[in-house]
Amino acid sequence: MPKMKTHRGAAKRFGKTATGKIKRNHAFKSHILEKKSTKRKRNLRKSAIMFKGDAQRVAKLIPYK
């Protein structure tokens, strides 16, 4: 069986924590920022842990990361 290829788009967007959970970045932080509060924008900077079902799909795309 040949090695699996990493999905490069997913590799740039997701990472794994030391315990194997999948990290993601928040959306809605690229434009139209004037109407969003400072607190909301600050919280969007932080990464988040994906939910279990979504994380299983993404884990298949980034097997070696």
PDB file of N, CA and C in Angstrom:
ATOM      1  N   MET A   1       0.852  -1.186   0.000  1.00  0.00           N
ATOM      2  CA  MET A   1       0.000   0.000   0.000  1.00  0.00           C
ATOM      3  C   MET A   1       0.893   1.243   0.000  1.00  0.00           C
ATOM      4  N   PRO A   2       0.702   2.149  -0.958  1.00  0.00           N
ATOM      5  CA  PRO A   2       1.528   3.359  -0.966  1.00  0.00           C
ATOM      6  C   PRO A   2       1.138   4.305   0.166  1.00  0.00           C
ATOM      7  N   LYS A   3       2.052   5.215   0.436  1.00  0.00           N
ATOM      8  CA  LYS A   3       1.779   6.212   1.469  1.00  0.00           C
ATOM      9  C   LYS A   3       0.647   7.117   1.021  1.00  0.00           C
ATOM     10  N   MET A   4      -0.130   7.598   2.009  1.00  0.00           N
ATOM     11  CA  MET A   4      -1.203   8.542   1.699  1.00  0.00           C
ATOM     12  C   MET A   4      -0.600   9.922   1.458  1.00  0.00           C
ATOM     13  N   LYS A   5      -1.242  10.682   0.589  1.00  0.00           N
ATOM     14  CA  LYS A   5      -0.811  12.058   0.376  1.00  0.00           C
ATOM     15  C   LYS A   5      -1.570  12.965   1.331  1.00  0.00           C
ATOM     16  N   THR A   6      -0.865  13.946   1.872  1.00  0.00           N
ATOM     17  CA  THR A   6      -1.480  14.955   2.719  1.00  0.00           C
ATOM     18  C   THR A   6      -2.239  15.938   1.838  1.00  0.00           C
ATOM     19  N   HIS A   7      -3.440  16.288   2.231  1.00  0.00           N
ATOM     20  CA  HIS A   7      -4.215  17.311   1.524  1.00  0.00           C
ATOM     21  C   HIS A   7      -3.609  18.659   1.897  1.00  0.00           C
ATOM     22  N   ARG A   8      -2.969  19.309   0.929  1.00  0.00           N
ATOM     23  CA  ARG A   8      -2.176  20.499   1.237  1.00  0.00           C
ATOM     24  C   ARG A   8      -3.044  21.661   1.725  1.00  0.00           C
ATOM     25  N   GLY A   9      -4.254  21.783   1.203  1.00  0.00           N
ATOM     26  CA  GLY A   9      -5.138  22.843   1.671  1.00  0.00           C
ATOM     27  C   GLY A   9      -5.494  22.659   3.136  1.00  0.00           C
ATOM     28  N   ALA A  10      -5.758  21.411   3.518  1.00  0.00           N
ATOM     29  CA  ALA A  10      -6.097  21.120   4.915  1.00  0.00           C
ATOM     30  C   ALA A  10      -4.878  21.302   5.808  1.00  0.00           C
ATOM     31  N   ALA A  11      -3.704  20.943   5.315  1.00  0.00           N
ATOM     32  CA  ALA A  11      -2.488  21.050   6.123  1.00  0.00           C
ATOM     33  C   ALA A  11      -2.187  22.501   6.492  1.00  0.00           C
ATOM     34  N   LYS A  12      -2.566  23.433   5.598  1.00  0.00           N
ATOM     35  CA  LYS A  12      -2.320  24.845   5.872  1.00  0.00           C
ATOM     36  C   LYS A  12      -3.345  25.423   6.854  1.00  0.00           C
ATOM     37  N   ARG A  13      -4.494  24.771   6.987  1.00  0.00           N
ATOM     38  CA  ARG A  13      -5.576  25.310   7.809  1.00  0.00           C
ATOM     39  C   ARG A  13      -5.707  24.663   9.179  1.00  0.00           C
ATOM     40  N   PHE A  14      -5.267  23.435   9.304  1.00  0.00           N
ATOM     41  CA  PHE A  14      -5.457  22.683  10.540  1.00  0.00           C
ATOM     42  C   PHE A  14      -4.131  22.197  11.101  1.00  0.00           C
ATOM     43  N   GLY A  15      -4.105  22.001  12.404  1.00  0.00           N
ATOM     44  CA  GLY A  15      -2.928  21.450  13.064  1.00  0.00           C
ATOM     45  C   GLY A  15      -3.372  20.457  14.119  1.00  0.00           C
ATOM     46  N   LYS A  16      -2.423  19.723  14.656  1.00  0.00           N
ATOM     47  CA  LYS A  16      -2.733  18.776  15.716  1.00  0.00           C
ATOM     48  C   LYS A  16      -2.088  19.243  17.009  1.00  0.00           C
ATOM     49  N   THR A  17      -2.787  19.004  18.113  1.00  0.00           N
ATOM     50  CA  THR A  17      -2.222  19.299  19.417  1.00  0.00           C
ATOM     51  C   THR A  17      -1.375  18.114  19.860  1.00  0.00           C
ATOM     52  N   ALA A  18      -0.709  18.236  20.981  1.00  0.00           N
ATOM     53  CA  ALA A  18       0.133  17.152  21.484  1.00  0.00           C
ATOM     54  C   ALA A  18      -0.691  15.914  21.836  1.00  0.00           C
ATOM     55  N   THR A  19      -1.963  16.130  22.178  1.00  0.00           N
ATOM     56  CA  THR A  19      -2.819  14.989  22.527  1.00  0.00           C
ATOM     57  C   THR A  19      -3.542  14.422  21.317  1.00  0.00           C
ATOM     58  N   GLY A  20      -3.321  15.013  20.121  1.00  0.00           N
ATOM     59  CA  GLY A  20      -3.906  14.465  18.901  1.00  0.00           C
ATOM     60  C   GLY A  20      -5.205  15.117  18.472  1.00  0.00           C
ATOM     61  N   LYS A  21      -5.657  16.126  19.193  1.00  0.00           N
ATOM     62  CA  LYS A  21      -6.872  16.827  18.781  1.00  0.00           C
ATOM     63  C   LYS A  21      -6.544  17.756  17.619  1.00  0.00           C
ATOM     64  N   ILE A  22      -7.565  18.109  16.843  1.00  0.00           N
ATOM     65  CA  ILE A  22      -7.366  18.962  15.672  1.00  0.00           C
ATOM     66  C   ILE A  22      -7.688  20.408  16.038  1.00  0.00           C
ATOM     67  N   LYS A  23      -6.733  21.310  15.732  1.00  0.00           N
ATOM     68  CA  LYS A  23      -6.909  22.743  15.975  1.00  0.00           C
ATOM     69  C   LYS A  23      -7.360  23.412  14.690  1.00  0.00           C
ATOM     70  N   ARG A  24      -8.162  24.465  14.831  1.00  0.00           N
ATOM     71  CA  ARG A  24      -8.589  25.250  13.673  1.00  0.00           C
ATOM     72  C   ARG A  24      -8.582  26.720  14.051  1.00  0.00           C
ATOM     73  N   ASN A  25      -8.601  27.567  13.037  1.00  0.00           N
ATOM     74  CA  ASN A  25      -8.712  29.003  13.271  1.00  0.00           C
ATOM     75  C   ASN A  25     -10.156  29.440  13.092  1.00  0.00           C
ATOM     76  N   HIS A  26     -10.517  30.575  13.675  1.00  0.00           N
ATOM     77  CA  HIS A  26     -11.856  31.099  13.540  1.00  0.00           C
ATOM     78  C   HIS A  26     -12.034  31.797  12.193  1.00  0.00           C
ATOM     79  N   ALA A  27     -13.258  31.774  11.699  1.00  0.00           N
ATOM     80  CA  ALA A  27     -13.609  32.500  10.480  1.00  0.00           C
ATOM     81  C   ALA A  27     -14.055  33.917  10.854  1.00  0.00           C
ATOM     82  N   PHE A  28     -14.440  34.697   9.861  1.00  0.00           N
ATOM     83  CA  PHE A  28     -15.001  36.049  10.032  1.00  0.00           C
ATOM     84  C   PHE A  28     -13.995  37.039  10.614  1.00  0.00           C
ATOM     85  N   LYS A  29     -12.741  36.964  10.222  1.00  0.00           N
ATOM     86  CA  LYS A  29     -11.718  37.862  10.757  1.00  0.00           C
ATOM     87  C   LYS A  29     -10.929  38.544   9.644  1.00  0.00           C
ATOM     88  N   SER A  30     -11.440  38.511   8.395  1.00  0.00           N
ATOM     89  CA  SER A  30     -10.628  39.042   7.309  1.00  0.00           C
ATOM     90  C   SER A  30     -11.053  40.436   6.843  1.00  0.00           C
ATOM     91  N   HIS A  31     -12.346  40.747   6.856  1.00  0.00           N
ATOM     92  CA  HIS A  31     -12.789  42.085   6.423  1.00  0.00           C
ATOM     93  C   HIS A  31     -14.117  42.389   7.091  1.00  0.00           C
ATOM     94  N   ILE A  32     -14.623  43.600   6.858  1.00  0.00           N
ATOM     95  CA  ILE A  32     -15.828  44.113   7.532  1.00  0.00           C
ATOM     96  C   ILE A  32     -15.635  44.039   9.047  1.00  0.00           C
ATOM     97  N   LEU A  33     -14.545  44.644   9.525  1.00  0.00           N
ATOM     98  CA  LEU A  33     -14.196  44.535  10.942  1.00  0.00           C
ATOM     99  C   LEU A  33     -14.669  45.729  11.769  1.00  0.00           C
ATOM    100  N   GLU A  34     -15.084  46.813  11.123  1.00  0.00           N
ATOM    101  CA  GLU A  34     -15.470  48.009  11.871  1.00  0.00           C
ATOM    102  C   GLU A  34     -16.648  47.768  12.795  1.00  0.00           C
ATOM    103  N   LYS A  35     -17.620  47.020  12.316  1.00  0.00           N
ATOM    104  CA  LYS A  35     -18.839  46.812  13.106  1.00  0.00           C
ATOM    105  C   LYS A  35     -18.678  45.750  14.186  1.00  0.00           C
ATOM    106  N   LYS A  36     -17.589  44.995  14.156  1.00  0.00           N
ATOM    107  CA  LYS A  36     -17.357  43.958  15.163  1.00  0.00           C
ATOM    108  C   LYS A  36     -16.641  44.566  16.365  1.00  0.00           C
ATOM    109  N   SER A  37     -17.036  44.133  17.538  1.00  0.00           N
ATOM    110  CA  SER A  37     -16.458  44.706  18.751  1.00  0.00           C
ATOM    111  C   SER A  37     -15.011  44.252  18.922  1.00  0.00           C
ATOM    112  N   THR A  38     -14.270  45.017  19.697  1.00  0.00           N
ATOM    113  CA  THR A  38     -12.869  44.693  19.958  1.00  0.00           C
ATOM    114  C   THR A  38     -12.753  43.339  20.636  1.00  0.00           C
ATOM    115  N   LYS A  39     -13.666  43.079  21.568  1.00  0.00           N
ATOM    116  CA  LYS A  39     -13.640  41.802  22.275  1.00  0.00           C
ATOM    117  C   LYS A  39     -13.872  40.629  21.318  1.00  0.00           C
ATOM    118  N   ARG A  40     -14.833  40.808  20.414  1.00  0.00           N
ATOM    119  CA  ARG A  40     -15.140  39.748  19.457  1.00  0.00           C
ATOM    120  C   ARG A  40     -13.949  39.473  18.546  1.00  0.00           C
ATOM    121  N   LYS A  41     -13.306  40.537  18.064  1.00  0.00           N
ATOM    122  CA  LYS A  41     -12.143  40.373  17.185  1.00  0.00           C
ATOM    123  C   LYS A  41     -10.981  39.722  17.927  1.00  0.00           C
ATOM    124  N   ARG A  42     -10.807  40.089  19.190  1.00  0.00           N
ATOM    125  CA  ARG A  42      -9.734  39.501  19.993  1.00  0.00           C
ATOM    126  C   ARG A  42      -9.966  38.008  20.181  1.00  0.00           C
ATOM    127  N   ASN A  43     -11.208  37.619  20.440  1.00  0.00           N
ATOM    128  CA  ASN A  43     -11.511  36.203  20.637  1.00  0.00           C
ATOM    129  C   ASN A  43     -11.403  35.398  19.354  1.00  0.00           C
ATOM    130  N   LEU A  44     -11.601  36.052  18.201  1.00  0.00           N
ATOM    131  CA  LEU A  44     -11.478  35.352  16.923  1.00  0.00           C
ATOM    132  C   LEU A  44     -10.017  35.036  16.584  1.00  0.00           C
ATOM    133  N   ARG A  45      -9.078  35.721  17.236  1.00  0.00           N
ATOM    134  CA  ARG A  45      -7.652  35.448  16.996  1.00  0.00           C
ATOM    135  C   ARG A  45      -7.238  34.081  17.512  1.00  0.00           C
ATOM    136  N   LYS A  46      -7.875  33.640  18.583  1.00  0.00           N
ATOM    137  CA  LYS A  46      -7.467  32.393  19.235  1.00  0.00           C
ATOM    138  C   LYS A  46      -7.898  31.195  18.401  1.00  0.00           C
ATOM    139  N   SER A  47      -7.138  30.121  18.478  1.00  0.00           N
ATOM    140  CA  SER A  47      -7.527  28.903  17.782  1.00  0.00           C
ATOM    141  C   SER A  47      -8.556  28.158  18.616  1.00  0.00           C
ATOM    142  N   ALA A  48      -9.243  27.214  17.963  1.00  0.00           N
ATOM    143  CA  ALA A  48     -10.284  26.438  18.634  1.00  0.00           C
ATOM    144  C   ALA A  48     -10.049  24.965  18.348  1.00  0.00           C
ATOM    145  N   ILE A  49     -10.602  24.119  19.196  1.00  0.00           N
ATOM    146  CA  ILE A  49     -10.528  22.675  18.998  1.00  0.00           C
ATOM    147  C   ILE A  49     -11.770  22.245  18.220  1.00  0.00           C
ATOM    148  N   MET A  50     -11.586  21.422  17.213  1.00  0.00           N
ATOM    149  CA  MET A  50     -12.713  20.972  16.394  1.00  0.00           C
ATOM    150  C   MET A  50     -13.557  19.957  17.148  1.00  0.00           C
ATOM    151  N   PHE A  51     -14.830  19.892  16.779  1.00  0.00           N
ATOM    152  CA  PHE A  51     -15.715  18.885  17.337  1.00  0.00           C
ATOM    153  C   PHE A  51     -15.329  17.505  16.798  1.00  0.00           C
ATOM    154  N   LYS A  52     -15.684  16.480  17.543  1.00  0.00           N
ATOM    155  CA  LYS A  52     -15.203  15.125  17.279  1.00  0.00           C
ATOM    156  C   LYS A  52     -15.515  14.635  15.859  1.00  0.00           C
ATOM    157  N   GLY A  53     -16.748  14.819  15.421  1.00  0.00           N
ATOM    158  CA  GLY A  53     -17.142  14.327  14.103  1.00  0.00           C
ATOM    159  C   GLY A  53     -16.391  14.999  12.975  1.00  0.00           C
ATOM    160  N   ASP A  54     -16.252  16.332  13.066  1.00  0.00           N
ATOM    161  CA  ASP A  54     -15.515  17.071  12.044  1.00  0.00           C
ATOM    162  C   ASP A  54     -14.036  16.723  12.095  1.00  0.00           C
ATOM    163  N   ALA A  55     -13.516  16.540  13.300  1.00  0.00           N
ATOM    164  CA  ALA A  55     -12.090  16.255  13.461  1.00  0.00           C
ATOM    165  C   ALA A  55     -11.720  14.923  12.825  1.00  0.00           C
ATOM    166  N   GLN A  56     -12.616  13.950  12.865  1.00  0.00           N
ATOM    167  CA  GLN A  56     -12.326  12.651  12.258  1.00  0.00           C
ATOM    168  C   GLN A  56     -12.168  12.779  10.746  1.00  0.00           C
ATOM    169  N   ARG A  57     -13.002  13.608  10.125  1.00  0.00           N
ATOM    170  CA  ARG A  57     -12.889  13.819   8.662  1.00  0.00           C
ATOM    171  C   ARG A  57     -11.582  14.516   8.320  1.00  0.00           C
ATOM    172  N   VAL A  58     -11.213  15.532   9.097  1.00  0.00           N
ATOM    173  CA  VAL A  58      -9.998  16.296   8.805  1.00  0.00           C
ATOM    174  C   VAL A  58      -8.756  15.453   9.084  1.00  0.00           C
ATOM    175  N   ALA A  59      -8.819  14.597  10.090  1.00  0.00           N
ATOM    176  CA  ALA A  59      -7.666  13.764  10.433  1.00  0.00           C
ATOM    177  C   ALA A  59      -7.256  12.866   9.279  1.00  0.00           C
ATOM    178  N   LYS A  60      -8.211  12.443   8.462  1.00  0.00           N
ATOM    179  CA  LYS A  60      -7.884  11.620   7.298  1.00  0.00           C
ATOM    180  C   LYS A  60      -7.131  12.418   6.239  1.00  0.00           C
ATOM    181  N   LEU A  61      -7.356  13.734   6.206  1.00  0.00           N
ATOM    182  CA  LEU A  61      -6.699  14.578   5.208  1.00  0.00           C
ATOM    183  C   LEU A  61      -5.269  14.921   5.610  1.00  0.00           C
ATOM    184  N   ILE A  62      -4.973  14.901   6.910  1.00  0.00           N
ATOM    185  CA  ILE A  62      -3.626  15.257   7.384  1.00  0.00           C
ATOM    186  C   ILE A  62      -3.052  14.099   8.226  1.00  0.00           C
ATOM    187  N   PRO A  63      -2.785  12.955   7.591  1.00  0.00           N
ATOM    188  CA  PRO A  63      -2.374  11.775   8.360  1.00  0.00           C
ATOM    189  C   PRO A  63      -1.012  11.903   9.039  1.00  0.00           C
ATOM    190  N   TYR A  64      -0.106  12.703   8.482  1.00  0.00           N
ATOM    191  CA  TYR A  64       1.265  12.727   9.026  1.00  0.00           C
ATOM    192  C   TYR A  64       1.581  14.003   9.775  1.00  0.00           C
ATOM    193  N   LYS A  65       0.627  14.895   9.911  1.00  0.00           N
ATOM    194  CA  LYS A  65       0.902  16.168  10.565  1.00  0.00           C
ATOM    195  C   LYS A  65       0.823  16.032  12.060  1.00  0.00           C
TER     196      LYS A  65
END
